[in-house]
C-alpha atoms as a PDB file:
ATOM      1  CA  TYR A   1     180.778 167.523 149.409  1.00  0.00           C
ATOM      2  CA  GLU A   2     182.491 169.458 146.583  1.00  0.00           C
ATOM      3  CA  PRO A   3     179.202 170.549 145.002  1.00  0.00           C
ATOM      4  CA  ILE A   4     177.927 171.659 148.420  1.00  0.00           C
ATOM      5  CA  PHE A   5     181.120 173.576 149.136  1.00  0.00           C
ATOM      6  CA  LEU A   6     181.015 175.255 145.722  1.00  0.00           C
ATOM      7  CA  TYR A   7     177.302 175.978 146.064  1.00  0.00           C
ATOM      8  CA  THR A   8     177.965 177.883 149.290  1.00  0.00           C
ATOM      9  CA  LEU A   9     181.107 179.509 147.882  1.00  0.00           C
ATOM     10  CA  PHE A  10     179.203 180.786 144.826  1.00  0.00           C
ATOM     11  CA  ASN A  11     176.373 182.224 146.983  1.00  0.00           C
ATOM     12  CA  LYS A  12     173.956 179.380 146.134  1.00  0.00           C
ATOM     13  CA  ASN A  13     174.301 179.892 142.381  1.00  0.00           C
ATOM     14  CA  LEU A  14     173.861 176.471 140.777  1.00  0.00           C
ATOM     15  CA  SER A  15     174.866 177.780 137.329  1.00  0.00           C
ATOM     16  CA  PHE A  16     178.362 178.648 138.587  1.00  0.00           C
ATOM     17  CA  VAL A  17     178.722 175.197 140.157  1.00  0.00           C
ATOM     18  CA  LEU A  18     177.745 173.479 136.899  1.00  0.00           C
ATOM     19  CA  PHE A  19     180.073 175.749 134.927  1.00  0.00           C
ATOM     20  CA  PHE A  20     182.902 174.891 137.341  1.00  0.00           C
ATOM     21  CA  PHE A  21     182.521 171.143 136.687  1.00  0.00           C
ATOM     22  CA  ALA A  22     182.033 171.733 132.949  1.00  0.00           C
ATOM     23  CA  ALA A  23     185.349 173.623 132.890  1.00  0.00           C
ATOM     24  CA  ILE A  24     187.077 170.647 134.546  1.00  0.00           C
ATOM     25  CA  LEU A  25     185.615 168.163 132.068  1.00  0.00           C
ATOM     26  CA  PHE A  26     186.340 170.390 129.062  1.00  0.00           C
ATOM     27  CA  GLY A  27     189.943 170.872 130.179  1.00  0.00           C
ATOM     28  CA  HIS A  28     190.327 167.149 130.746  1.00  0.00           C
ATOM     29  CA  SER A  29     188.962 166.342 127.305  1.00  0.00           C
ATOM     30  CA  LEU A  30     191.497 168.690 125.711  1.00  0.00           C
ATOM     31  CA  MET A  31     194.468 167.447 127.733  1.00  0.00           C
ATOM     32  CA  ALA A  32     193.768 163.670 127.834  1.00  0.00           C
ATOM     33  CA  PRO A  33     195.798 162.889 124.676  1.00  0.00           C
ATOM     34  CA  LEU A  34     198.719 164.807 126.180  1.00  0.00           C
ATOM     35  CA  GLY A  35     198.353 162.728 129.351  1.00  0.00           C
ATOM     36  CA  GLY A  36     198.622 159.581 127.219  1.00  0.00           C
ATOM     37  CA  LYS A  37     201.808 160.849 125.599  1.00  0.00           C
ATOM     38  CA  LEU A  38     203.259 161.743 128.984  1.00  0.00           C
ATOM     39  CA  MET A  39     202.396 158.270 130.273  1.00  0.00           C
ATOM     40  CA  ALA A  40     204.198 156.658 127.321  1.00  0.00           C
ATOM     41  CA  LYS A  41     207.263 158.784 128.013  1.00  0.00           C
ATOM     42  CA  ILE A  42     207.581 158.492 131.811  1.00  0.00           C
ATOM     43  CA  GLY A  43     205.572 155.317 132.527  1.00  0.00           C
ATOM     44  CA  ILE A  44     202.302 154.400 134.198  1.00  0.00           C
ATOM     45  CA  LYS A  45     203.482 154.510 137.821  1.00  0.00           C
ATOM     46  CA  ARG A  46     205.253 157.849 137.448  1.00  0.00           C
ATOM     47  CA  SER A  47     202.213 159.323 135.690  1.00  0.00           C
ATOM     48  CA  MET A  48     199.949 158.315 138.548  1.00  0.00           C
ATOM     49  CA  LEU A  49     202.460 159.658 141.091  1.00  0.00           C
ATOM     50  CA  LEU A  50     202.797 162.901 139.116  1.00  0.00           C
ATOM     51  CA  SER A  51     199.021 163.349 139.172  1.00  0.00           C
ATOM     52  CA  ILE A  52     198.791 163.362 142.986  1.00  0.00           C
ATOM     53  CA  PRO A  53     200.270 166.867 143.490  1.00  0.00           C
ATOM     54  CA  PHE A  54     197.710 168.225 141.011  1.00  0.00           C
ATOM     55  CA  LEU A  55     194.884 166.630 142.993  1.00  0.00           C
ATOM     56  CA  MET A  56     196.292 167.938 146.266  1.00  0.00           C
ATOM     57  CA  THR A  57     196.659 171.380 144.672  1.00  0.00           C
ATOM     58  CA  TYR A  58     193.040 171.224 143.547  1.00  0.00           C
ATOM     59  CA  TYR A  59     191.814 170.621 147.083  1.00  0.00           C
ATOM     60  CA  LEU A  60     194.178 173.215 148.537  1.00  0.00           C
ATOM     61  CA  LEU A  61     192.872 175.767 146.030  1.00  0.00           C
ATOM     62  CA  LEU A  62     189.320 174.930 147.072  1.00  0.00           C
ATOM     63  CA  PHE A  63     190.328 175.217 150.715  1.00  0.00           C
ATOM     64  CA  PHE A  64     191.981 178.627 150.353  1.00  0.00           C
ATOM     65  CA  SER A  65     189.378 180.015 147.945  1.00  0.00           C
ATOM     66  CA  GLY A  66     187.177 180.711 150.956  1.00  0.00           C
ATOM     67  CA  GLN A  67     189.713 183.335 152.039  1.00  0.00           C
ATOM     68  CA  ILE A  68     191.151 184.328 148.628  1.00  0.00           C
ATOM     69  CA  PHE A  69     188.274 183.968 146.176  1.00  0.00           C
ATOM     70  CA  PHE A  70     190.184 184.299 142.887  1.00  0.00           C
ATOM     71  CA  LEU A  71     192.019 181.016 143.627  1.00  0.00           C
ATOM     72  CA  ILE A  72     188.823 179.183 142.693  1.00  0.00           C
ATOM     73  CA  PHE A  73     189.512 180.005 139.033  1.00  0.00           C
ATOM     74  CA  PHE A  74     192.713 177.915 139.132  1.00  0.00           C
ATOM     75  CA  ALA A  75     191.042 174.880 140.726  1.00  0.00           C
ATOM     76  CA  PRO A  76     189.459 173.530 137.483  1.00  0.00           C
ATOM     77  CA  ILE A  77     192.873 173.721 135.796  1.00  0.00           C
ATOM     78  CA  ALA A  78     194.485 171.676 138.589  1.00  0.00           C
ATOM     79  CA  SER A  79     191.670 169.109 138.483  1.00  0.00           C
ATOM     80  CA  ALA A  80     191.785 168.833 134.687  1.00  0.00           C
ATOM     81  CA  CYS A  81     195.558 168.288 134.831  1.00  0.00           C
ATOM     82  CA  TYR A  82     195.099 165.611 137.476  1.00  0.00           C
ATOM     83  CA  ARG A  83     192.485 163.802 135.404  1.00  0.00           C
ATOM     84  CA  ALA A  84     194.468 164.091 132.156  1.00  0.00           C
ATOM     85  CA  ILE A  85     197.572 162.610 133.783  1.00  0.00           C
ATOM     86  CA  PHE A  86     196.003 160.033 136.113  1.00  0.00           C
ATOM     87  CA  LEU A  87     193.141 158.513 134.120  1.00  0.00           C
ATOM     88  CA  PRO A  88     195.048 157.333 131.003  1.00  0.00           C
ATOM     89  CA  ALA A  89     197.662 155.758 133.276  1.00  0.00           C
ATOM     90  CA  PHE A  90     195.059 154.174 135.545  1.00  0.00           C
ATOM     91  CA  HIS A  91     193.076 152.688 132.663  1.00  0.00           C
ATOM     92  CA  SER A  92     196.236 151.451 130.913  1.00  0.00           C
ATOM     93  CA  ASP A  93     197.418 149.871 134.157  1.00  0.00           C
ATOM     94  CA  PHE A  94     194.077 148.158 134.647  1.00  0.00           C
ATOM     95  CA  ALA A  95     194.052 146.906 131.045  1.00  0.00           C
ATOM     96  CA  GLN A  96     197.579 145.496 131.406  1.00  0.00           C
ATOM     97  CA  LEU A  97     197.131 143.917 134.831  1.00  0.00           C
ATOM     98  CA  SER A  98     193.635 142.513 134.414  1.00  0.00           C
ATOM     99  CA  ASN A  99     193.160 139.002 133.108  1.00  0.00           C
ATOM    100  CA  LYS A 100     191.335 138.956 129.753  1.00  0.00           C
ATOM    101  CA  LYS A 101     189.315 135.921 130.785  1.00  0.00           C
ATOM    102  CA  ASN A 102     188.176 137.528 134.067  1.00  0.00           C
ATOM    103  CA  ARG A 103     188.214 141.194 133.029  1.00  0.00           C
ATOM    104  CA  GLY A 104     184.445 141.604 133.423  1.00  0.00           C
ATOM    105  CA  LYS A 105     184.556 140.207 136.950  1.00  0.00           C
ATOM    106  CA  GLN A 106     187.590 142.329 137.819  1.00  0.00           C
ATOM    107  CA  LEU A 107     185.953 145.437 136.371  1.00  0.00           C
ATOM    108  CA  GLY A 108     182.813 144.685 138.383  1.00  0.00           C
ATOM    109  CA  THR A 109     184.889 144.315 141.562  1.00  0.00           C
ATOM    110  CA  MET A 110     186.643 147.616 140.844  1.00  0.00           C
ATOM    111  CA  ASN A 111     183.280 149.299 140.263  1.00  0.00           C
ATOM    112  CA  ILE A 112     181.909 147.911 143.543  1.00  0.00           C
ATOM    113  CA  ILE A 113     184.933 149.245 145.434  1.00  0.00           C
ATOM    114  CA  THR A 114     184.533 152.619 143.707  1.00  0.00           C
ATOM    115  CA  LEU A 115     180.807 152.654 144.472  1.00  0.00           C
ATOM    116  CA  PHE A 116     181.469 151.764 148.112  1.00  0.00           C
ATOM    117  CA  ALA A 117     183.986 154.613 148.360  1.00  0.00           C
ATOM    118  CA  SER A 118     181.579 157.016 146.656  1.00  0.00           C
ATOM    119  CA  VAL A 119     178.940 156.169 149.283  1.00  0.00           C
ATOM    120  CA  THR A 120     181.110 156.041 152.393  1.00  0.00           C
ATOM    121  CA  GLY A 121     183.317 158.994 151.368  1.00  0.00           C
ATOM    122  CA  PRO A 122     180.510 161.564 151.408  1.00  0.00           C
ATOM    123  CA  LEU A 123     179.169 160.117 154.668  1.00  0.00           C
ATOM    124  CA  LEU A 124     182.570 160.464 156.308  1.00  0.00           C
ATOM    125  CA  GLY A 125     182.995 163.857 154.661  1.00  0.00           C
ATOM    126  CA  ALA A 126     179.612 164.992 155.957  1.00  0.00           C
ATOM    127  CA  PHE A 127     180.524 163.872 159.463  1.00  0.00           C
ATOM    128  CA  LEU A 128     183.851 165.733 159.367  1.00  0.00           C
ATOM    129  CA  LEU A 129     182.168 168.759 157.819  1.00  0.00           C
ATOM    130  CA  THR A 130     179.393 169.033 160.401  1.00  0.00           C
ATOM    131  CA  GLU A 131     181.577 168.196 163.399  1.00  0.00           C
ATOM    132  CA  TYR A 132     184.796 170.030 162.497  1.00  0.00           C
ATOM    133  CA  GLY A 133     184.177 172.202 159.415  1.00  0.00           C
ATOM    134  CA  PHE A 134     185.669 172.452 155.941  1.00  0.00           C
ATOM    135  CA  HIS A 135     189.192 173.091 157.248  1.00  0.00           C
ATOM    136  CA  VAL A 136     189.551 169.681 158.901  1.00  0.00           C
ATOM    137  CA  LEU A 137     187.840 167.983 155.964  1.00  0.00           C
ATOM    138  CA  PHE A 138     190.326 169.439 153.476  1.00  0.00           C
ATOM    139  CA  ILE A 139     193.284 168.527 155.671  1.00  0.00           C
ATOM    140  CA  VAL A 140     192.068 164.917 155.937  1.00  0.00           C
ATOM    141  CA  ILE A 141     191.616 164.763 152.139  1.00  0.00           C
ATOM    142  CA  VAL A 142     195.158 165.969 151.466  1.00  0.00           C
ATOM    143  CA  ILE A 143     196.584 163.478 153.984  1.00  0.00           C
ATOM    144  CA  VAL A 144     194.634 160.585 152.438  1.00  0.00           C
ATOM    145  CA  PHE A 145     195.865 161.449 148.936  1.00  0.00           C
ATOM    146  CA  PHE A 146     199.431 161.733 150.183  1.00  0.00           C
ATOM    147  CA  PHE A 147     199.308 158.278 151.784  1.00  0.00           C
ATOM    148  CA  SER A 148     197.577 156.774 148.739  1.00  0.00           C
ATOM    149  CA  ALA A 149     200.872 157.152 146.870  1.00  0.00           C
ATOM    150  CA  ILE A 150     202.736 154.759 149.182  1.00  0.00           C
ATOM    151  CA  PRO A 151     201.405 151.469 147.673  1.00  0.00           C
ATOM    152  CA  LEU A 152     201.904 152.928 144.203  1.00  0.00           C
ATOM    153  CA  MET A 153     205.597 153.587 144.912  1.00  0.00           C
ATOM    154  CA  MET A 154     206.099 149.873 145.632  1.00  0.00           C
ATOM    155  CA  SER A 155     204.692 148.720 142.277  1.00  0.00           C
ATOM    156  CA  LEU A 156     206.712 148.003 139.136  1.00  0.00           C
ATOM    157  CA  GLU A 157     207.053 150.607 136.390  1.00  0.00           C
ATOM    158  CA  THR A 158     205.736 149.888 132.894  1.00  0.00           C
ATOM    159  CA  LYS A 159     205.731 152.087 129.797  1.00  0.00           C
ATOM    160  CA  PRO A 160     202.918 151.322 127.365  1.00  0.00           C
ATOM    161  CA  HIS A 161     203.073 152.303 123.721  1.00  0.00           C
ATOM    162  CA  TYR A 162     200.977 155.361 122.937  1.00  0.00           C
ATOM    163  CA  ARG A 163     201.044 156.375 119.299  1.00  0.00           C
ATOM    164  CA  ASP A 164     197.968 158.583 119.034  1.00  0.00           C
ATOM    165  CA  SER A 165     198.293 162.249 118.241  1.00  0.00           C
ATOM    166  CA  PHE A 166     195.938 164.891 119.529  1.00  0.00           C
ATOM    167  CA  GLN A 167     194.259 165.088 116.111  1.00  0.00           C
ATOM    168  CA  SER A 168     193.949 161.327 115.630  1.00  0.00           C
ATOM    169  CA  VAL A 169     192.092 160.933 118.924  1.00  0.00           C
ATOM    170  CA  TRP A 170     189.471 163.465 117.866  1.00  0.00           C
ATOM    171  CA  LYS A 171     189.241 162.034 114.341  1.00  0.00           C
ATOM    172  CA  VAL A 172     188.310 158.639 115.793  1.00  0.00           C
ATOM    173  CA  ALA A 173     185.810 160.234 118.203  1.00  0.00           C
ATOM    174  CA  ILE A 174     183.850 161.880 115.377  1.00  0.00           C
ATOM    175  CA  ARG A 175     184.166 159.031 112.857  1.00  0.00           C
ATOM    176  CA  LYS A 176     180.774 157.806 111.646  1.00  0.00           C
ATOM    177  CA  GLY A 177     180.876 154.411 113.391  1.00  0.00           C
ATOM    178  CA  TRP A 178     182.134 155.942 116.644  1.00  0.00           C
ATOM    179  CA  ARG A 179     179.828 158.948 117.097  1.00  0.00           C
ATOM    180  CA  LYS A 180     177.256 157.214 119.311  1.00  0.00           C
ATOM    181  CA  LYS A 181     179.969 155.489 121.360  1.00  0.00           C
ATOM    182  CA  SER A 182     181.855 158.766 121.729  1.00  0.00           C
ATOM    183  CA  ALA A 183     178.724 160.640 122.792  1.00  0.00           C
ATOM    184  CA  SER A 184     177.911 157.879 125.268  1.00  0.00           C
ATOM    185  CA  LEU A 185     181.410 158.011 126.759  1.00  0.00           C
ATOM    186  CA  ILE A 186     181.342 161.823 126.901  1.00  0.00           C
ATOM    187  CA  PHE A 187     178.053 161.820 128.797  1.00  0.00           C
ATOM    188  CA  TYR A 188     179.235 159.010 131.078  1.00  0.00           C
ATOM    189  CA  GLY A 189     182.347 161.055 131.838  1.00  0.00           C
ATOM    190  CA  MET A 190     180.233 164.122 132.524  1.00  0.00           C
ATOM    191  CA  GLU A 191     178.017 162.160 134.889  1.00  0.00           C
ATOM    192  CA  SER A 192     180.892 160.567 136.782  1.00  0.00           C
ATOM    193  CA  GLY A 193     182.832 163.853 136.800  1.00  0.00           C
ATOM    194  CA  VAL A 194     180.272 165.482 139.074  1.00  0.00           C
END
């Protein structure tokens, strides 16, 4: 529903919608190494918990941008911060908790759950949107994200080692043997980011 909301907010200008998501992905790509450093300092669980207010802020900025338009310019920053803090912690947590022998199966299960949510979420969102409007939809989203933190608070804290610097991450990404892999991951991230 985000693209639809933005499409209507930007007076049906698809270029602005694409630029909005590009700004999120560009900001995330710049801040991801910093998210990894933060995760190493405060731990995986705290990183994921710290990311939730950024995600809630993102949706609140979208919600209020209908009344105060300039708030929409801060939304990509909030989303990029959320992604930069949450995703390194989430992937590190998955790598630590998954069983090497069954990692493919576990990754497949996680992808099925994500796919199921990506199908049912928009359907539920469309129902709430058509029946009650954007206001109720945004309120439900914020409540769901708030309650999603409860199981996370009950988990154990771990602090992985993260030794990469901002420069070393980009040096690896453009290294000759990694260019195709890096481009593939960048385009995959762009696709899944929208």
